[in-house]
Amino acid sequence: MRIEVDHRALDGLEARLKAQLQAGIRNGVHAAGVDAVAKVREAITTAEPRPPVDTGALRTGIVSVVAPDGMSVRIGPAPPVAERGAVMDLGRRPGQRRPPVEPLARWALRKGLIGGFTRQGRRRKVKGEEKLAHALGYALARSIQKKGIRARNFIRRALPGIRRDAPAIIRAAIGRALQGPPTGGGSAPGGK
């Protein structure tokens, strides 16, 4: 029995397999990033002592950014919420500069700390509420300056699940990429 192999059928196979492997890695890194974002958002929702959720901007501002080469991904808050996200995640030490008053005043109004809420769930307006909200925002800012803010560590709490699941997500994407026909086409001589 004699077997002949036509080496021309193998020309370019290495390059095609390498391209498929790289595409699988890129797809897997992207999918792992999406999964990591979901895990961080869940950690924000369940953070202790209280979830840092007011308008939902921090939670929805968690994004994944894949590197241009597609081989790595960065997870974290997008620029509009990055500073607040860092403070809520890592905390704030006592004695630092006082935080801005206006966001705290708006927060107090949204939470009904001035005037409260009606039975229908609408915010009850009171005379001079803007002035009261500003005064409460100032008091909150002073308290934060004095006492700090306890760290929520939501990114750190999400890491074990990300580290556990990311390799399997990337392996699955590589497997899917390699199962398909080699990119670049062509079949071996005598093949059907």
Protein backbone atom coordinates (compact mmCIF):
# COMPACT_ATOMS: atom_id res chain seq x y z
CA MET A 1 0.00 0.00 0.00
CA ARG A 2 1.28 3.38 -0.97
CA ILE A 3 0.03 6.78 0.21
CA GLU A 4 0.91 9.95 -1.60
CA VAL A 5 0.47 13.42 -0.17
CA ASP A 6 0.37 16.42 -2.43
CA HIS A 7 2.15 19.11 -0.45
CA ARG A 8 0.46 21.82 -2.54
CA ALA A 9 -2.77 21.13 -0.63
CA LEU A 10 -0.99 22.16 2.56
CA ASP A 11 0.31 25.44 1.15
CA GLY A 12 -1.15 28.26 3.19
CA LEU A 13 -2.80 25.94 5.73
CA GLU A 14 -0.61 27.21 8.55
CA ALA A 15 -1.50 30.83 7.78
CA ARG A 16 -5.22 29.99 7.54
CA LEU A 17 -5.17 28.10 10.86
CA LYS A 18 -3.26 30.93 12.50
CA ALA A 19 -5.85 33.43 11.24
CA GLN A 20 -8.69 31.25 12.57
CA LEU A 21 -6.95 30.89 15.93
CA GLN A 22 -6.45 34.65 16.23
CA ALA A 23 -10.08 35.30 15.26
CA GLY A 24 -11.18 32.82 17.92
CA ILE A 25 -9.04 34.50 20.56
CA ARG A 26 -10.37 37.95 19.59
CA ASN A 27 -13.97 36.71 19.74
CA GLY A 28 -13.30 34.97 23.06
CA VAL A 29 -11.67 38.03 24.61
CA HIS A 30 -14.65 40.14 23.53
CA ALA A 31 -17.14 37.59 24.94
CA ALA A 32 -15.16 37.34 28.19
CA GLY A 33 -15.27 41.14 28.44
CA VAL A 34 -19.05 41.17 28.02
CA ASP A 35 -19.36 38.49 30.71
CA ALA A 36 -17.05 40.44 33.04
CA VAL A 37 -19.15 43.60 32.62
CA ALA A 38 -22.25 41.64 33.64
CA LYS A 39 -20.44 40.31 36.73
CA VAL A 40 -19.24 43.80 37.77
CA ARG A 41 -22.74 45.24 37.27
CA GLU A 42 -24.17 42.49 39.47
CA ALA A 43 -21.52 43.22 42.12
CA ILE A 44 -22.53 46.89 42.07
CA THR A 45 -26.17 45.94 42.59
CA THR A 46 -25.30 43.78 45.61
CA ALA A 47 -22.48 45.93 47.08
CA GLU A 48 -22.23 46.38 50.84
CA PRO A 49 -22.87 48.37 53.00
CA ARG A 50 -25.31 49.84 50.45
CA PRO A 51 -25.26 49.54 46.67
CA PRO A 52 -23.90 52.72 45.04
CA VAL A 53 -26.99 52.97 42.83
CA ASP A 54 -28.92 56.22 42.46
CA THR A 55 -29.68 56.91 38.81
CA GLY A 56 -28.02 53.73 37.49
CA ALA A 57 -25.34 55.72 35.62
CA LEU A 58 -22.44 53.95 37.34
CA ARG A 59 -23.88 50.49 36.76
CA THR A 60 -24.64 51.14 33.08
CA GLY A 61 -21.34 53.02 32.73
CA ILE A 62 -19.29 49.86 33.31
CA VAL A 63 -17.85 48.92 29.92
CA SER A 64 -15.33 46.59 28.34
CA VAL A 65 -12.76 47.96 25.93
CA VAL A 66 -10.91 45.43 23.78
CA ALA A 67 -7.31 46.35 22.87
CA PRO A 68 -6.65 47.11 19.19
CA ASP A 69 -4.85 43.77 18.74
CA GLY A 70 -7.88 41.98 20.24
CA MET A 71 -5.77 40.04 22.72
CA SER A 72 -6.78 41.82 25.94
CA VAL A 73 -9.76 43.64 27.41
CA ARG A 74 -10.10 46.37 30.06
CA ILE A 75 -13.17 46.45 32.30
CA GLY A 76 -14.15 49.56 34.23
CA PRO A 77 -16.25 52.68 34.39
CA ALA A 78 -16.51 54.80 31.24
CA PRO A 79 -15.02 58.33 31.46
CA PRO A 80 -18.27 60.13 32.43
CA VAL A 81 -18.56 58.05 35.63
CA ALA A 82 -14.93 57.00 36.12
CA GLU A 83 -14.11 59.36 39.01
CA ARG A 84 -17.31 58.63 40.92
CA GLY A 85 -16.93 54.92 40.16
CA ALA A 86 -13.43 54.89 41.62
CA VAL A 87 -14.62 56.65 44.79
CA MET A 88 -17.56 54.29 45.23
CA ASP A 89 -15.42 51.21 44.56
CA LEU A 90 -12.26 52.12 46.50
CA GLY A 91 -13.80 54.49 49.04
CA ARG A 92 -12.59 57.87 50.19
CA ARG A 93 -10.28 58.52 53.13
CA PRO A 94 -11.32 60.97 55.84
CA GLY A 95 -9.70 64.40 55.66
CA GLN A 96 -9.56 64.69 51.89
CA ARG A 97 -10.90 67.74 50.10
CA ARG A 98 -14.65 68.22 50.38
CA PRO A 99 -16.70 66.76 47.50
CA PRO A 100 -18.82 69.11 45.36
CA VAL A 101 -22.08 70.24 46.99
CA GLU A 102 -24.40 70.42 43.97
CA PRO A 103 -24.45 66.69 43.08
CA LEU A 104 -25.18 65.90 46.72
CA ALA A 105 -28.00 68.48 46.77
CA ARG A 106 -29.53 66.94 43.62
CA TRP A 107 -29.19 63.48 45.20
CA ALA A 108 -31.00 64.69 48.35
CA LEU A 109 -33.88 66.00 46.22
CA ARG A 110 -34.11 62.74 44.21
CA LYS A 111 -34.16 60.68 47.39
CA GLY A 112 -36.92 62.78 48.93
CA LEU A 113 -34.78 63.99 51.83
CA ILE A 114 -36.34 67.44 51.30
CA GLY A 115 -40.13 67.33 51.42
CA GLY A 116 -40.50 63.56 51.15
CA PHE A 117 -42.89 61.74 48.84
CA THR A 118 -46.67 61.61 48.44
CA ARG A 119 -48.60 58.35 48.75
CA GLN A 120 -48.59 58.10 44.96
CA GLY A 121 -44.79 58.08 44.99
CA ARG A 122 -44.35 61.60 43.62
CA ARG A 123 -41.82 63.91 45.19
CA ARG A 124 -43.48 66.46 47.45
CA LYS A 125 -42.20 69.98 46.75
CA VAL A 126 -41.71 72.42 49.59
CA LYS A 127 -41.15 76.15 49.63
CA GLY A 128 -37.46 76.99 49.40
CA GLU A 129 -36.43 73.41 48.65
CA GLU A 130 -33.49 74.44 46.47
CA LYS A 131 -32.00 76.37 49.39
CA LEU A 132 -32.70 73.50 51.78
CA ALA A 133 -31.21 70.99 49.35
CA HIS A 134 -28.08 73.12 49.00
CA ALA A 135 -27.75 73.33 52.81
CA LEU A 136 -28.19 69.56 53.13
CA GLY A 137 -25.73 68.97 50.27
CA TYR A 138 -23.20 71.15 52.09
CA ALA A 139 -23.73 69.22 55.33
CA LEU A 140 -23.31 65.91 53.47
CA ALA A 141 -20.12 67.17 51.79
CA ARG A 142 -18.69 68.19 55.18
CA SER A 143 -19.60 64.81 56.66
CA ILE A 144 -17.93 62.99 53.74
CA GLN A 145 -14.86 65.18 54.15
CA LYS A 146 -14.72 64.37 57.85
CA LYS A 147 -15.67 60.66 57.84
CA GLY A 148 -14.82 59.53 54.31
CA ILE A 149 -16.77 56.92 52.32
CA ARG A 150 -16.46 53.21 52.97
CA ALA A 151 -15.15 51.17 50.02
CA ARG A 152 -17.69 48.93 48.25
CA ASN A 153 -15.00 46.85 46.43
CA PHE A 154 -17.44 45.76 43.73
CA ILE A 155 -14.74 45.18 41.11
CA ARG A 156 -12.64 43.12 43.54
CA ARG A 157 -15.73 41.07 44.45
CA ALA A 158 -16.42 40.33 40.77
CA LEU A 159 -12.85 39.17 40.02
CA PRO A 160 -13.09 35.55 41.24
CA GLY A 161 -16.03 34.85 38.92
CA ILE A 162 -14.30 36.61 36.01
CA ARG A 163 -11.08 34.66 36.56
CA ARG A 164 -13.03 31.41 36.84
CA ASP A 165 -15.16 31.86 33.69
CA ALA A 166 -12.97 33.84 31.26
CA PRO A 167 -10.63 30.98 30.23
CA ALA A 168 -13.58 28.69 29.41
CA ILE A 169 -15.28 31.45 27.39
CA ILE A 170 -12.11 32.06 25.38
CA ARG A 171 -11.49 28.31 24.86
CA ALA A 172 -15.06 27.86 23.59
CA ALA A 173 -14.65 30.74 21.12
CA ILE A 174 -11.36 29.28 19.86
CA GLY A 175 -13.02 25.88 19.47
CA ARG A 176 -15.86 27.40 17.42
CA ALA A 177 -13.39 29.26 15.24
CA LEU A 178 -11.31 26.15 14.56
CA GLN A 179 -14.34 23.92 13.82
CA GLY A 180 -15.26 25.90 10.74
CA PRO A 181 -13.60 25.32 7.38
CA PRO A 182 -10.17 26.91 7.07
CA THR A 183 -10.50 30.47 5.85
CA GLY A 184 -9.12 31.02 2.38
CA GLY A 185 -11.00 28.06 0.88
CA GLY A 186 -9.66 25.23 -1.21
CA SER A 187 -9.92 21.53 -0.63
CA ALA A 188 -7.43 18.71 -0.70
CA PRO A 189 -7.00 16.92 -4.03
CA GLY A 190 -9.34 14.00 -4.31
CA GLY A 191 -11.58 15.47 -1.62
CA LYS A 192 -15.31 15.90 -2.12
